[in-house]
N, C-alpha and C. Protein backbone atom coordinates (compact mmCIF):
# COMPACT_ATOMS: atom_id res chain seq x y z
N MET A 1 -27.17 -6.90 8.46
CA MET A 1 -26.86 -5.73 9.26
C MET A 1 -28.06 -5.39 10.14
N ALA A 2 -27.81 -4.62 11.19
CA ALA A 2 -28.87 -4.29 12.12
C ALA A 2 -29.92 -3.40 11.47
N ARG A 3 -31.12 -3.39 12.04
CA ARG A 3 -32.20 -2.55 11.54
C ARG A 3 -31.81 -1.08 11.69
N ARG A 4 -32.07 -0.29 10.64
CA ARG A 4 -31.67 1.10 10.65
C ARG A 4 -32.54 1.91 11.59
N SER A 5 -31.94 2.90 12.24
CA SER A 5 -32.69 3.81 13.10
C SER A 5 -33.32 4.89 12.24
N SER A 6 -34.22 5.68 12.83
CA SER A 6 -34.93 6.71 12.08
C SER A 6 -34.04 7.90 11.74
N THR A 7 -32.94 8.09 12.46
CA THR A 7 -31.99 9.16 12.17
C THR A 7 -30.60 8.55 11.96
N THR A 8 -29.79 9.27 11.20
CA THR A 8 -28.45 8.77 10.90
C THR A 8 -27.56 8.85 12.13
N ARG A 9 -27.01 7.73 12.51
CA ARG A 9 -26.12 7.69 13.67
C ARG A 9 -24.71 8.13 13.27
N GLU A 10 -24.10 8.92 14.12
CA GLU A 10 -22.75 9.40 13.86
C GLU A 10 -21.70 8.39 14.32
N PRO A 11 -20.48 8.48 13.79
CA PRO A 11 -19.41 7.62 14.28
C PRO A 11 -19.17 7.86 15.78
N VAL A 12 -18.93 6.79 16.48
CA VAL A 12 -18.64 6.87 17.92
C VAL A 12 -17.12 6.86 18.06
N LEU A 13 -16.55 8.00 18.44
CA LEU A 13 -15.10 8.15 18.52
C LEU A 13 -14.70 8.81 19.82
N GLN A 14 -13.56 8.41 20.34
CA GLN A 14 -12.98 9.05 21.52
C GLN A 14 -11.62 9.62 21.15
N ALA A 15 -11.26 10.71 21.81
CA ALA A 15 -9.95 11.32 21.55
C ALA A 15 -8.84 10.33 21.89
N LEU A 16 -7.84 10.29 21.02
CA LEU A 16 -6.71 9.40 21.25
C LEU A 16 -5.72 10.07 22.21
N VAL A 17 -5.52 9.47 23.35
CA VAL A 17 -4.58 9.98 24.35
C VAL A 17 -3.48 8.94 24.52
N LEU A 18 -2.27 9.34 24.15
CA LEU A 18 -1.13 8.42 24.21
C LEU A 18 -0.32 8.64 25.49
N PRO A 19 0.28 7.60 26.01
CA PRO A 19 1.15 7.74 27.18
C PRO A 19 2.49 8.34 26.78
N ALA A 20 3.40 8.49 27.71
CA ALA A 20 4.75 8.93 27.38
C ALA A 20 5.38 7.90 26.45
N LEU A 21 5.93 8.39 25.33
CA LEU A 21 6.43 7.49 24.30
C LEU A 21 7.96 7.49 24.27
N GLU A 22 8.51 6.36 23.85
CA GLU A 22 9.95 6.21 23.74
C GLU A 22 10.41 6.55 22.33
N PRO A 23 11.31 7.53 22.16
CA PRO A 23 11.83 7.83 20.81
C PRO A 23 12.46 6.58 20.21
N ALA A 24 12.16 6.34 18.94
CA ALA A 24 12.64 5.11 18.32
C ALA A 24 13.15 5.41 16.92
N ASP A 25 13.87 4.46 16.38
CA ASP A 25 14.40 4.52 15.04
C ASP A 25 13.60 3.55 14.18
N GLY A 26 13.34 3.94 12.93
CA GLY A 26 12.57 3.09 12.05
C GLY A 26 13.17 1.71 11.86
N GLU A 27 14.47 1.59 12.07
CA GLU A 27 15.12 0.29 11.92
C GLU A 27 14.64 -0.70 12.97
N GLN A 28 14.04 -0.20 14.06
CA GLN A 28 13.54 -1.09 15.10
C GLN A 28 12.29 -1.84 14.67
N LEU A 29 11.61 -1.31 13.66
CA LEU A 29 10.39 -1.97 13.21
C LEU A 29 10.74 -3.17 12.34
N ALA A 30 9.98 -4.24 12.52
CA ALA A 30 10.25 -5.45 11.77
C ALA A 30 8.94 -6.15 11.43
N ALA A 31 8.98 -6.91 10.34
CA ALA A 31 7.81 -7.68 9.96
C ALA A 31 7.45 -8.63 11.09
N HIS A 32 6.15 -8.73 11.38
CA HIS A 32 5.60 -9.61 12.40
C HIS A 32 6.10 -9.27 13.81
N GLY A 33 6.66 -8.07 13.97
CA GLY A 33 7.10 -7.64 15.29
C GLY A 33 5.97 -6.97 16.05
N HIS A 34 6.11 -6.88 17.37
CA HIS A 34 5.14 -6.22 18.23
C HIS A 34 5.83 -5.01 18.86
N HIS A 35 5.29 -3.82 18.56
CA HIS A 35 5.93 -2.58 18.98
C HIS A 35 4.94 -1.75 19.77
N ASP A 36 5.32 -1.40 20.99
CA ASP A 36 4.43 -0.66 21.88
C ASP A 36 5.10 0.63 22.35
N GLY A 37 4.33 1.72 22.41
CA GLY A 37 4.78 2.95 23.04
C GLY A 37 5.97 3.62 22.38
N LEU A 38 6.05 3.55 21.02
CA LEU A 38 7.19 4.13 20.31
C LEU A 38 6.77 5.40 19.58
N ARG A 39 7.73 6.31 19.42
CA ARG A 39 7.51 7.52 18.62
C ARG A 39 8.60 7.62 17.57
N LEU A 40 8.19 7.66 16.30
CA LEU A 40 9.11 7.83 15.20
C LEU A 40 8.85 9.19 14.57
N GLU A 41 9.92 9.93 14.28
CA GLU A 41 9.76 11.23 13.65
C GLU A 41 10.77 11.38 12.53
N GLY A 42 10.24 11.64 11.32
CA GLY A 42 11.09 11.90 10.16
C GLY A 42 11.77 10.68 9.57
N ASP A 43 11.38 9.50 9.96
CA ASP A 43 12.03 8.28 9.45
C ASP A 43 11.56 7.97 8.03
N ASP A 44 12.39 7.26 7.29
CA ASP A 44 12.06 6.82 5.94
C ASP A 44 11.91 5.30 5.95
N LEU A 45 10.68 4.85 5.79
CA LEU A 45 10.40 3.41 5.79
C LEU A 45 10.17 2.89 4.37
N SER A 46 10.54 3.66 3.38
CA SER A 46 10.29 3.30 1.99
C SER A 46 10.89 1.94 1.64
N GLY A 47 10.08 1.13 0.95
CA GLY A 47 10.56 -0.16 0.47
C GLY A 47 10.63 -1.24 1.53
N ARG A 48 10.28 -0.91 2.77
CA ARG A 48 10.39 -1.91 3.84
C ARG A 48 9.20 -2.86 3.81
N ASP A 49 9.46 -4.12 4.10
CA ASP A 49 8.40 -5.11 4.26
C ASP A 49 8.11 -5.26 5.75
N LEU A 50 7.00 -4.67 6.17
CA LEU A 50 6.59 -4.72 7.57
C LEU A 50 5.29 -5.52 7.71
N SER A 51 5.14 -6.51 6.87
CA SER A 51 3.94 -7.34 6.91
C SER A 51 3.75 -7.93 8.30
N GLY A 52 2.51 -7.90 8.78
CA GLY A 52 2.18 -8.54 10.05
C GLY A 52 2.67 -7.82 11.28
N THR A 53 3.28 -6.63 11.10
CA THR A 53 3.76 -5.91 12.28
C THR A 53 2.59 -5.36 13.08
N SER A 54 2.82 -5.16 14.37
CA SER A 54 1.79 -4.63 15.26
C SER A 54 2.31 -3.37 15.92
N LEU A 55 1.56 -2.26 15.78
CA LEU A 55 1.90 -1.00 16.42
C LEU A 55 0.79 -0.66 17.41
N SER A 56 1.15 -0.56 18.66
CA SER A 56 0.17 -0.26 19.70
C SER A 56 0.64 0.94 20.51
N GLU A 57 -0.23 1.95 20.64
CA GLU A 57 0.09 3.18 21.37
C GLU A 57 1.39 3.78 20.83
N CYS A 58 1.43 3.96 19.52
CA CYS A 58 2.61 4.53 18.86
C CYS A 58 2.24 5.82 18.14
N GLU A 59 3.27 6.59 17.80
CA GLU A 59 3.07 7.82 17.05
C GLU A 59 4.14 7.92 15.98
N LEU A 60 3.71 8.13 14.73
CA LEU A 60 4.63 8.30 13.62
C LEU A 60 4.38 9.68 13.03
N VAL A 61 5.41 10.52 13.06
CA VAL A 61 5.28 11.91 12.63
C VAL A 61 6.27 12.19 11.50
N GLY A 62 5.75 12.72 10.38
CA GLY A 62 6.63 13.08 9.27
C GLY A 62 7.36 11.91 8.67
N VAL A 63 6.75 10.74 8.69
CA VAL A 63 7.38 9.53 8.18
C VAL A 63 7.07 9.35 6.70
N THR A 64 8.06 8.89 5.93
CA THR A 64 7.88 8.55 4.53
C THR A 64 7.75 7.04 4.40
N ALA A 65 6.74 6.60 3.63
CA ALA A 65 6.48 5.16 3.56
C ALA A 65 6.15 4.73 2.13
N HIS A 66 6.95 5.14 1.17
CA HIS A 66 6.70 4.80 -0.23
C HIS A 66 6.96 3.32 -0.47
N THR A 67 5.98 2.63 -1.01
CA THR A 67 6.00 1.19 -1.29
C THR A 67 6.28 0.36 -0.03
N THR A 68 6.04 0.92 1.12
CA THR A 68 6.12 0.14 2.36
C THR A 68 5.00 -0.88 2.36
N VAL A 69 5.31 -2.09 2.80
CA VAL A 69 4.31 -3.16 2.82
C VAL A 69 3.84 -3.37 4.26
N LEU A 70 2.55 -3.15 4.47
CA LEU A 70 1.95 -3.33 5.79
C LEU A 70 0.80 -4.34 5.73
N ARG A 71 0.96 -5.33 4.89
CA ARG A 71 -0.10 -6.34 4.77
C ARG A 71 -0.32 -7.05 6.11
N HIS A 72 -1.57 -7.15 6.49
CA HIS A 72 -1.98 -7.84 7.73
C HIS A 72 -1.35 -7.22 8.98
N ALA A 73 -0.95 -5.96 8.87
CA ALA A 73 -0.43 -5.25 10.04
C ALA A 73 -1.60 -4.87 10.96
N ARG A 74 -1.27 -4.58 12.22
CA ARG A 74 -2.27 -4.15 13.19
C ARG A 74 -1.84 -2.79 13.75
N LEU A 75 -2.72 -1.80 13.60
CA LEU A 75 -2.48 -0.46 14.14
C LEU A 75 -3.52 -0.21 15.21
N ILE A 76 -3.08 -0.15 16.45
CA ILE A 76 -3.99 -0.03 17.58
C ILE A 76 -3.61 1.22 18.38
N GLU A 77 -4.57 2.11 18.62
CA GLU A 77 -4.32 3.33 19.38
C GLU A 77 -3.02 4.00 18.92
N THR A 78 -2.99 4.32 17.65
CA THR A 78 -1.78 4.85 17.02
C THR A 78 -2.11 6.11 16.22
N ARG A 79 -1.20 7.08 16.26
CA ARG A 79 -1.38 8.34 15.54
C ARG A 79 -0.37 8.41 14.39
N LEU A 80 -0.85 8.72 13.19
CA LEU A 80 -0.02 8.92 12.02
C LEU A 80 -0.21 10.36 11.58
N GLU A 81 0.85 11.15 11.63
CA GLU A 81 0.75 12.58 11.31
C GLU A 81 1.77 12.93 10.23
N ARG A 82 1.30 13.63 9.20
CA ARG A 82 2.13 14.05 8.07
C ARG A 82 2.83 12.85 7.41
N LEU A 83 2.08 11.80 7.22
CA LEU A 83 2.59 10.63 6.52
C LEU A 83 2.68 10.92 5.03
N SER A 84 3.80 10.55 4.41
CA SER A 84 3.99 10.73 2.98
C SER A 84 4.21 9.35 2.36
N ALA A 85 3.27 8.95 1.47
CA ALA A 85 3.37 7.61 0.91
C ALA A 85 2.74 7.59 -0.48
N PRO A 86 3.54 7.76 -1.54
CA PRO A 86 2.98 7.68 -2.89
C PRO A 86 2.25 6.36 -3.14
N VAL A 87 2.76 5.27 -2.60
CA VAL A 87 2.11 3.96 -2.71
C VAL A 87 2.26 3.25 -1.37
N LEU A 88 1.14 2.79 -0.82
CA LEU A 88 1.18 2.12 0.48
C LEU A 88 0.28 0.89 0.42
N ASP A 89 0.86 -0.26 0.66
CA ASP A 89 0.14 -1.53 0.60
C ASP A 89 -0.18 -2.00 2.02
N ALA A 90 -1.45 -1.86 2.41
CA ALA A 90 -1.88 -2.28 3.75
C ALA A 90 -3.06 -3.24 3.65
N ARG A 91 -3.01 -4.09 2.65
CA ARG A 91 -4.10 -5.05 2.46
C ARG A 91 -4.22 -6.00 3.65
N GLY A 92 -5.46 -6.25 4.05
CA GLY A 92 -5.71 -7.17 5.15
C GLY A 92 -5.32 -6.63 6.52
N SER A 93 -5.06 -5.34 6.61
CA SER A 93 -4.63 -4.77 7.89
C SER A 93 -5.83 -4.49 8.80
N ALA A 94 -5.54 -4.25 10.07
CA ALA A 94 -6.58 -3.94 11.05
C ALA A 94 -6.22 -2.63 11.73
N TRP A 95 -7.16 -1.68 11.74
CA TRP A 95 -6.97 -0.37 12.36
C TRP A 95 -8.02 -0.21 13.46
N ARG A 96 -7.58 0.17 14.61
CA ARG A 96 -8.53 0.45 15.71
C ARG A 96 -8.02 1.61 16.54
N ASP A 97 -8.86 2.62 16.74
CA ASP A 97 -8.49 3.81 17.49
C ASP A 97 -7.24 4.45 16.87
N VAL A 98 -7.34 4.75 15.58
CA VAL A 98 -6.23 5.33 14.82
C VAL A 98 -6.60 6.75 14.40
N GLU A 99 -5.60 7.63 14.41
CA GLU A 99 -5.75 8.98 13.86
C GLU A 99 -4.73 9.16 12.75
N LEU A 100 -5.20 9.55 11.57
CA LEU A 100 -4.34 9.85 10.43
C LEU A 100 -4.63 11.29 10.03
N SER A 101 -3.61 12.15 10.09
CA SER A 101 -3.86 13.57 9.84
C SER A 101 -2.75 14.20 9.01
N GLY A 102 -3.12 15.27 8.27
CA GLY A 102 -2.15 16.06 7.53
C GLY A 102 -1.27 15.27 6.60
N SER A 103 -1.81 14.22 5.99
CA SER A 103 -0.99 13.29 5.22
C SER A 103 -1.27 13.38 3.73
N ARG A 104 -0.31 12.92 2.95
CA ARG A 104 -0.45 12.85 1.49
C ARG A 104 -0.12 11.43 1.06
N VAL A 105 -1.16 10.72 0.60
CA VAL A 105 -0.99 9.34 0.18
C VAL A 105 -1.50 9.21 -1.24
N GLY A 106 -0.69 8.66 -2.12
CA GLY A 106 -1.13 8.47 -3.50
C GLY A 106 -2.11 7.32 -3.58
N ALA A 107 -1.61 6.11 -3.68
CA ALA A 107 -2.45 4.93 -3.73
C ALA A 107 -2.40 4.22 -2.38
N LEU A 108 -3.54 4.20 -1.69
CA LEU A 108 -3.65 3.51 -0.40
C LEU A 108 -4.48 2.26 -0.62
N ASP A 109 -3.83 1.11 -0.56
CA ASP A 109 -4.51 -0.16 -0.79
C ASP A 109 -4.80 -0.81 0.55
N VAL A 110 -6.08 -0.70 0.96
CA VAL A 110 -6.51 -1.33 2.23
C VAL A 110 -7.63 -2.31 1.93
N ASP A 111 -7.46 -3.05 0.86
CA ASP A 111 -8.39 -4.11 0.49
C ASP A 111 -8.50 -5.12 1.63
N ASP A 112 -9.74 -5.56 1.90
CA ASP A 112 -10.00 -6.62 2.88
C ASP A 112 -9.46 -6.25 4.27
N ALA A 113 -9.56 -4.98 4.62
CA ALA A 113 -9.07 -4.51 5.92
C ALA A 113 -10.23 -4.33 6.90
N GLU A 114 -9.91 -4.19 8.17
CA GLU A 114 -10.89 -3.85 9.20
C GLU A 114 -10.48 -2.51 9.80
N ILE A 115 -11.32 -1.50 9.60
CA ILE A 115 -10.99 -0.15 10.05
C ILE A 115 -12.09 0.31 11.00
N ARG A 116 -11.75 0.46 12.26
CA ARG A 116 -12.74 0.77 13.29
C ARG A 116 -12.24 1.93 14.15
N SER A 117 -13.18 2.76 14.58
CA SER A 117 -12.86 3.88 15.49
C SER A 117 -11.66 4.68 14.98
N THR A 118 -11.75 5.12 13.75
CA THR A 118 -10.62 5.79 13.09
C THR A 118 -11.05 7.16 12.57
N ARG A 119 -10.17 8.16 12.76
CA ARG A 119 -10.41 9.53 12.31
C ARG A 119 -9.32 9.90 11.31
N ILE A 120 -9.74 10.35 10.11
CA ILE A 120 -8.82 10.74 9.05
C ILE A 120 -9.10 12.19 8.71
N THR A 121 -8.12 13.07 8.93
CA THR A 121 -8.36 14.51 8.79
C THR A 121 -7.27 15.18 7.94
N GLY A 122 -7.69 16.22 7.21
CA GLY A 122 -6.75 17.08 6.51
C GLY A 122 -5.77 16.37 5.61
N SER A 123 -6.25 15.33 4.91
CA SER A 123 -5.35 14.51 4.10
C SER A 123 -5.82 14.41 2.66
N LYS A 124 -4.88 14.10 1.76
CA LYS A 124 -5.18 13.97 0.34
C LYS A 124 -4.78 12.59 -0.14
N PHE A 125 -5.65 12.01 -0.99
CA PHE A 125 -5.43 10.68 -1.52
C PHE A 125 -5.77 10.68 -3.01
N ASP A 126 -4.96 10.00 -3.81
CA ASP A 126 -5.32 9.80 -5.21
C ASP A 126 -6.32 8.65 -5.33
N TRP A 127 -6.11 7.60 -4.55
CA TRP A 127 -6.95 6.40 -4.65
C TRP A 127 -6.94 5.69 -3.31
N ILE A 128 -8.12 5.35 -2.84
CA ILE A 128 -8.23 4.50 -1.66
C ILE A 128 -9.01 3.25 -2.06
N ASN A 129 -8.38 2.11 -1.95
CA ASN A 129 -9.03 0.84 -2.26
C ASN A 129 -9.51 0.19 -0.97
N LEU A 130 -10.83 0.22 -0.77
CA LEU A 130 -11.44 -0.39 0.42
C LEU A 130 -12.32 -1.57 0.02
N ARG A 131 -12.01 -2.19 -1.09
CA ARG A 131 -12.81 -3.33 -1.52
C ARG A 131 -12.83 -4.42 -0.45
N THR A 132 -14.00 -4.97 -0.21
CA THR A 132 -14.24 -6.07 0.73
C THR A 132 -13.83 -5.73 2.16
N SER A 133 -13.62 -4.46 2.46
CA SER A 133 -13.21 -4.06 3.81
C SER A 133 -14.43 -3.81 4.70
N THR A 134 -14.17 -3.78 5.99
CA THR A 134 -15.19 -3.46 6.99
C THR A 134 -14.81 -2.15 7.66
N LEU A 135 -15.73 -1.18 7.64
CA LEU A 135 -15.51 0.11 8.30
C LEU A 135 -16.61 0.31 9.34
N GLU A 136 -16.19 0.70 10.52
CA GLU A 136 -17.15 0.95 11.59
C GLU A 136 -16.65 2.11 12.44
N ASP A 137 -17.49 3.13 12.60
CA ASP A 137 -17.12 4.33 13.37
C ASP A 137 -15.88 4.98 12.78
N VAL A 138 -16.02 5.45 11.55
CA VAL A 138 -14.92 6.08 10.81
C VAL A 138 -15.36 7.48 10.37
N LEU A 139 -14.49 8.46 10.59
CA LEU A 139 -14.78 9.84 10.23
C LEU A 139 -13.70 10.39 9.32
N PHE A 140 -14.11 10.93 8.16
CA PHE A 140 -13.23 11.65 7.25
C PHE A 140 -13.56 13.14 7.38
N GLU A 141 -12.55 13.96 7.65
CA GLU A 141 -12.75 15.41 7.76
C GLU A 141 -11.73 16.14 6.91
N ASP A 142 -12.19 17.12 6.11
CA ASP A 142 -11.31 17.98 5.33
C ASP A 142 -10.33 17.17 4.48
N CYS A 143 -10.87 16.18 3.79
CA CYS A 143 -10.04 15.31 2.96
C CYS A 143 -10.45 15.42 1.49
N THR A 144 -9.46 15.22 0.62
CA THR A 144 -9.70 15.14 -0.82
C THR A 144 -9.28 13.75 -1.29
N ILE A 145 -10.21 13.08 -1.98
CA ILE A 145 -9.96 11.72 -2.46
C ILE A 145 -10.35 11.68 -3.93
N GLU A 146 -9.41 11.39 -4.80
CA GLU A 146 -9.74 11.36 -6.23
C GLU A 146 -10.60 10.15 -6.57
N GLU A 147 -10.24 8.97 -6.07
CA GLU A 147 -11.02 7.76 -6.31
C GLU A 147 -11.18 7.00 -5.00
N LEU A 148 -12.43 6.68 -4.67
CA LEU A 148 -12.73 5.92 -3.46
C LEU A 148 -13.51 4.68 -3.86
N ASP A 149 -12.94 3.52 -3.62
CA ASP A 149 -13.55 2.26 -4.05
C ASP A 149 -14.05 1.50 -2.84
N LEU A 150 -15.39 1.43 -2.71
CA LEU A 150 -16.03 0.70 -1.62
C LEU A 150 -16.74 -0.55 -2.14
N THR A 151 -16.28 -1.07 -3.25
CA THR A 151 -16.89 -2.27 -3.81
C THR A 151 -16.86 -3.42 -2.80
N ASN A 152 -18.03 -4.02 -2.55
CA ASN A 152 -18.15 -5.15 -1.62
C ASN A 152 -17.78 -4.81 -0.19
N ALA A 153 -17.69 -3.52 0.13
CA ALA A 153 -17.35 -3.12 1.50
C ALA A 153 -18.60 -3.15 2.39
N THR A 154 -18.37 -3.30 3.68
CA THR A 154 -19.42 -3.19 4.69
C THR A 154 -19.08 -2.01 5.58
N ALA A 155 -19.98 -1.03 5.64
CA ALA A 155 -19.67 0.20 6.38
C ALA A 155 -20.84 0.59 7.28
N ALA A 156 -20.53 0.92 8.52
CA ALA A 156 -21.54 1.36 9.49
C ALA A 156 -21.00 2.54 10.27
N ARG A 157 -21.84 3.55 10.44
CA ARG A 157 -21.47 4.77 11.16
C ARG A 157 -20.17 5.36 10.60
N VAL A 158 -20.25 5.72 9.33
CA VAL A 158 -19.14 6.37 8.63
C VAL A 158 -19.64 7.73 8.17
N ALA A 159 -18.84 8.78 8.38
CA ALA A 159 -19.27 10.13 8.01
C ALA A 159 -18.15 10.88 7.31
N PHE A 160 -18.57 11.81 6.44
CA PHE A 160 -17.65 12.68 5.73
C PHE A 160 -18.03 14.12 6.05
N ARG A 161 -17.06 14.92 6.42
CA ARG A 161 -17.30 16.33 6.71
C ARG A 161 -16.30 17.19 5.93
N ARG A 162 -16.84 18.06 5.09
CA ARG A 162 -16.02 18.98 4.29
C ARG A 162 -14.99 18.20 3.45
N CYS A 163 -15.49 17.18 2.78
CA CYS A 163 -14.63 16.34 1.94
C CYS A 163 -15.08 16.38 0.49
N ARG A 164 -14.17 15.99 -0.39
CA ARG A 164 -14.51 15.88 -1.81
C ARG A 164 -13.96 14.57 -2.35
N VAL A 165 -14.78 13.90 -3.19
CA VAL A 165 -14.32 12.69 -3.86
C VAL A 165 -14.63 12.84 -5.35
N GLY A 166 -13.64 12.51 -6.18
CA GLY A 166 -13.85 12.62 -7.61
C GLY A 166 -14.78 11.54 -8.13
N SER A 167 -14.52 10.29 -7.77
CA SER A 167 -15.39 9.19 -8.16
C SER A 167 -15.53 8.22 -7.00
N LEU A 168 -16.75 7.69 -6.85
CA LEU A 168 -17.08 6.80 -5.74
C LEU A 168 -17.68 5.53 -6.31
N ALA A 169 -17.03 4.39 -6.03
CA ALA A 169 -17.50 3.09 -6.52
C ALA A 169 -18.19 2.35 -5.37
N LEU A 170 -19.41 1.88 -5.63
CA LEU A 170 -20.22 1.29 -4.55
C LEU A 170 -20.82 -0.06 -4.93
N ALA A 171 -20.27 -0.74 -5.90
CA ALA A 171 -20.85 -2.01 -6.33
C ALA A 171 -20.93 -3.00 -5.17
N HIS A 172 -22.14 -3.48 -4.89
CA HIS A 172 -22.37 -4.49 -3.86
C HIS A 172 -21.96 -4.04 -2.46
N ALA A 173 -21.88 -2.73 -2.25
CA ALA A 173 -21.55 -2.22 -0.90
C ALA A 173 -22.75 -2.40 0.01
N ARG A 174 -22.48 -2.61 1.30
CA ARG A 174 -23.52 -2.75 2.32
C ARG A 174 -23.32 -1.62 3.32
N LEU A 175 -24.18 -0.62 3.24
CA LEU A 175 -24.02 0.59 4.03
C LEU A 175 -25.12 0.71 5.08
N GLU A 176 -24.74 1.22 6.23
CA GLU A 176 -25.69 1.55 7.28
C GLU A 176 -25.20 2.79 8.01
N ASP A 177 -26.03 3.82 8.06
CA ASP A 177 -25.64 5.07 8.72
C ASP A 177 -24.34 5.62 8.14
N VAL A 178 -24.27 5.66 6.82
CA VAL A 178 -23.12 6.26 6.13
C VAL A 178 -23.57 7.65 5.68
N ASP A 179 -23.01 8.67 6.30
CA ASP A 179 -23.44 10.05 6.11
C ASP A 179 -22.58 10.72 5.04
N LEU A 180 -23.18 10.93 3.87
CA LEU A 180 -22.47 11.54 2.74
C LEU A 180 -22.79 13.01 2.59
N ARG A 181 -23.51 13.60 3.54
CA ARG A 181 -23.95 14.98 3.38
C ARG A 181 -22.80 15.97 3.34
N GLY A 182 -21.68 15.64 3.94
CA GLY A 182 -20.53 16.54 3.92
C GLY A 182 -19.52 16.18 2.85
N LEU A 183 -19.97 15.44 1.82
CA LEU A 183 -19.08 14.96 0.77
C LEU A 183 -19.51 15.51 -0.59
N GLU A 184 -18.61 16.26 -1.23
CA GLU A 184 -18.85 16.70 -2.61
C GLU A 184 -18.45 15.56 -3.53
N ILE A 185 -19.39 15.08 -4.32
CA ILE A 185 -19.18 13.87 -5.11
C ILE A 185 -19.15 14.22 -6.59
N GLY A 186 -18.08 13.82 -7.29
CA GLY A 186 -18.00 14.06 -8.72
C GLY A 186 -18.85 13.08 -9.50
N ALA A 187 -18.64 11.78 -9.26
CA ALA A 187 -19.39 10.75 -9.97
C ALA A 187 -19.54 9.53 -9.07
N ILE A 188 -20.65 8.81 -9.26
CA ILE A 188 -20.91 7.61 -8.47
C ILE A 188 -21.13 6.45 -9.42
N GLY A 189 -20.43 5.35 -9.18
CA GLY A 189 -20.67 4.13 -9.92
C GLY A 189 -21.55 3.21 -9.08
N ASN A 190 -22.46 2.49 -9.74
CA ASN A 190 -23.33 1.53 -9.04
C ASN A 190 -24.20 2.22 -8.00
N LEU A 191 -25.18 2.99 -8.49
CA LEU A 191 -26.03 3.78 -7.60
C LEU A 191 -26.80 2.94 -6.60
N GLU A 192 -27.08 1.67 -6.93
CA GLU A 192 -27.81 0.83 -5.99
C GLU A 192 -27.04 0.64 -4.69
N GLY A 193 -25.74 0.86 -4.74
CA GLY A 193 -24.93 0.73 -3.53
C GLY A 193 -25.15 1.85 -2.54
N LEU A 194 -25.92 2.88 -2.91
CA LEU A 194 -26.21 4.00 -2.00
C LEU A 194 -27.22 3.63 -0.92
N ALA A 195 -27.87 2.51 -1.04
CA ALA A 195 -28.85 2.11 -0.01
C ALA A 195 -28.17 2.08 1.35
N GLY A 196 -28.76 2.78 2.31
CA GLY A 196 -28.18 2.87 3.65
C GLY A 196 -27.35 4.11 3.87
N ALA A 197 -27.22 4.93 2.81
CA ALA A 197 -26.48 6.19 2.93
C ALA A 197 -27.45 7.35 3.15
N THR A 198 -26.93 8.46 3.66
CA THR A 198 -27.72 9.68 3.87
C THR A 198 -27.18 10.78 2.97
N LEU A 199 -28.07 11.40 2.19
CA LEU A 199 -27.74 12.53 1.32
C LEU A 199 -28.59 13.72 1.72
N ASP A 200 -28.13 14.92 1.37
CA ASP A 200 -28.99 16.08 1.60
C ASP A 200 -29.77 16.38 0.31
N ALA A 201 -30.71 17.32 0.41
CA ALA A 201 -31.60 17.61 -0.71
C ALA A 201 -30.82 18.09 -1.93
N GLN A 202 -29.79 18.90 -1.73
CA GLN A 202 -29.01 19.41 -2.86
C GLN A 202 -28.29 18.28 -3.58
N GLN A 203 -27.74 17.35 -2.82
CA GLN A 203 -27.07 16.21 -3.45
C GLN A 203 -28.04 15.38 -4.28
N VAL A 204 -29.23 15.16 -3.73
CA VAL A 204 -30.23 14.38 -4.46
C VAL A 204 -30.60 15.08 -5.76
N THR A 205 -30.74 16.42 -5.72
CA THR A 205 -31.06 17.17 -6.92
C THR A 205 -29.95 17.04 -7.96
N LEU A 206 -28.70 17.15 -7.53
CA LEU A 206 -27.58 17.05 -8.46
C LEU A 206 -27.47 15.65 -9.05
N LEU A 207 -27.87 14.64 -8.28
CA LEU A 207 -27.77 13.26 -8.74
C LEU A 207 -29.01 12.79 -9.48
N ALA A 208 -30.02 13.67 -9.56
CA ALA A 208 -31.28 13.27 -10.18
C ALA A 208 -31.10 12.71 -11.60
N PRO A 209 -30.31 13.34 -12.47
CA PRO A 209 -30.12 12.76 -13.81
C PRO A 209 -29.53 11.35 -13.77
N ALA A 210 -28.59 11.14 -12.86
CA ALA A 210 -27.98 9.80 -12.74
C ALA A 210 -29.01 8.80 -12.24
N PHE A 211 -29.83 9.20 -11.25
CA PHE A 211 -30.87 8.32 -10.75
C PHE A 211 -31.85 7.96 -11.86
N ALA A 212 -32.25 8.97 -12.64
CA ALA A 212 -33.21 8.73 -13.72
C ALA A 212 -32.63 7.76 -14.75
N SER A 213 -31.37 7.98 -15.12
CA SER A 213 -30.74 7.09 -16.09
C SER A 213 -30.64 5.67 -15.55
N HIS A 214 -30.27 5.55 -14.26
CA HIS A 214 -30.13 4.25 -13.65
C HIS A 214 -31.46 3.48 -13.63
N LEU A 215 -32.55 4.20 -13.43
CA LEU A 215 -33.87 3.58 -13.33
C LEU A 215 -34.58 3.49 -14.68
N GLY A 216 -33.94 3.99 -15.73
CA GLY A 216 -34.55 3.95 -17.05
C GLY A 216 -35.68 4.93 -17.23
N ILE A 217 -35.61 6.04 -16.50
CA ILE A 217 -36.67 7.06 -16.57
C ILE A 217 -36.29 8.10 -17.61
N ARG A 218 -37.26 8.41 -18.48
CA ARG A 218 -37.05 9.48 -19.46
C ARG A 218 -37.63 10.77 -18.88
N VAL A 219 -36.81 11.79 -18.80
CA VAL A 219 -37.25 13.08 -18.27
C VAL A 219 -37.38 14.06 -19.43
N GLU A 220 -38.59 14.57 -19.66
CA GLU A 220 -38.83 15.51 -20.75
C GLU A 220 -39.51 16.76 -20.20
N GLY A 221 -39.06 17.92 -20.67
CA GLY A 221 -39.61 19.19 -20.21
C GLY A 221 -40.99 19.47 -20.80
């Protein structure tokens, strides 16, 4: 990874501006299909296999996607609003210039994905699996995540603002300019994975016992 700068760099994001969109029906979406300029509202995509599909300049509002399969899908300049998905399989997918807001997702499996220039706001997740994924210019705002797994992930210019995570797994993670100052953290696994992250003084104080235990330091009053 590139040499770190003296200050933490923020995600580089631009507002997503979509053109006039064509109202569409969820039945129009197909695995390995290419879909441009569509707007879906209130559709139920549950149980659908949409592997390899490509969505470009699309908007999905109030869509249900329980057990929908989006493996190796491509989401480009696309907005997802009020998405409901107890289980969503998007392994190997690619996200670029995506906005995900006001959503409730139980298990979001984005293992081995590429997520770039993406903003995730006002959403709740039980589990996000980002193992072996690449994140670049990603912002989480006002989100609650019970379990966040960044094992073997590569992340650059990622920030959390007014977020909470119950447990954070960082085994073998490669971080650069990952700003955790706006993240309330319950527990961290594999503290060595924090290299390249930014914490504030209060977070460091709260994590001091974990750091001491990890380093084999005995603290006595």
